[in-house]
Amino acid sequence: MSLPPTVGLDTANSVLGMGRTAGYALARRGAYPVRLLPGGRGYRISRYDLYRHLGIAADVYADSEA
């Protein structure tokens, strides 16, 4: 799984196995399972936070992308 440094909420929802409606509802309530990044319109999530939530070592993917 190779992701850019930050992803939108739709991508994060897909990675986490949740639907669009559920993901946006959780984000609005402040209950999204991964930290949301501030700024701009919409929601952004860091690749590092997604990997950490899933229990995937981020350095494994850094090595394989080189």
Protein backbone atom coordinates (compact mmCIF):
# COMPACT_ATOMS: atom_id res chain seq x y z
CA MET A 1 0.00 0.00 0.00
CA SER A 2 1.72 3.16 -1.15
CA LEU A 3 0.09 6.46 -0.22
CA PRO A 4 1.13 10.11 -0.55
CA PRO A 5 2.14 11.95 2.66
CA THR A 6 -1.46 13.03 3.27
CA VAL A 7 -4.73 11.68 1.93
CA GLY A 8 -8.29 12.92 1.77
CA LEU A 9 -11.08 11.55 3.89
CA ASP A 10 -12.49 9.38 1.10
CA THR A 11 -9.16 7.56 0.72
CA ALA A 12 -8.75 7.17 4.47
CA ASN A 13 -12.31 5.82 4.73
CA SER A 14 -11.49 3.22 2.10
CA VAL A 15 -8.25 2.18 3.81
CA LEU A 16 -10.10 1.89 7.13
CA GLY A 17 -12.95 -0.09 5.56
CA MET A 18 -15.73 2.38 6.24
CA GLY A 19 -18.24 4.05 3.97
CA ARG A 20 -18.24 7.69 2.95
CA THR A 21 -21.30 8.68 5.00
CA ALA A 22 -20.03 7.03 8.18
CA GLY A 23 -16.56 8.53 7.77
CA TYR A 24 -17.82 12.08 7.29
CA ALA A 25 -20.27 11.71 10.20
CA LEU A 26 -17.44 10.59 12.50
CA ALA A 27 -15.22 13.46 11.30
CA ARG A 28 -17.94 16.05 11.95
CA ARG A 29 -18.49 14.69 15.47
CA GLY A 30 -14.77 14.69 16.21
CA ALA A 31 -14.82 10.90 16.62
CA TYR A 32 -12.79 9.85 13.57
CA PRO A 33 -10.44 6.99 14.56
CA VAL A 34 -7.38 8.76 13.10
CA ARG A 35 -6.21 12.31 13.81
CA LEU A 36 -7.52 14.83 11.27
CA LEU A 37 -5.14 17.53 10.07
CA PRO A 38 -6.30 21.14 10.32
CA GLY A 39 -6.41 23.63 7.50
CA GLY A 40 -8.09 24.25 4.21
CA ARG A 41 -11.39 22.87 3.08
CA GLY A 42 -12.21 19.26 3.74
CA TYR A 43 -10.31 16.80 5.84
CA ARG A 44 -6.74 15.48 5.47
CA ILE A 45 -5.11 12.55 7.22
CA SER A 46 -1.41 11.78 7.38
CA ARG A 47 -0.11 8.52 5.94
CA TYR A 48 1.87 8.00 9.13
CA ASP A 49 -1.28 8.19 11.30
CA LEU A 50 -3.12 5.73 9.06
CA TYR A 51 -0.24 3.26 9.15
CA ARG A 52 0.10 3.63 12.92
CA HIS A 53 -3.65 3.04 13.44
CA LEU A 54 -3.44 -0.09 11.28
CA GLY A 55 -0.33 -1.33 13.09
CA ILE A 56 1.86 -1.03 10.01
CA ALA A 57 5.43 0.19 10.47
CA ALA A 58 5.83 3.27 8.26
CA ASP A 59 9.53 2.55 7.73
CA VAL A 60 8.66 -0.72 5.96
CA TYR A 61 7.02 1.24 3.16
CA ALA A 62 9.70 3.90 3.10
CA ASP A 63 12.28 1.18 2.38
CA SER A 64 10.19 -0.49 -0.34
CA GLU A 65 9.55 2.76 -2.24
CA ALA A 66 13.24 3.56 -2.66
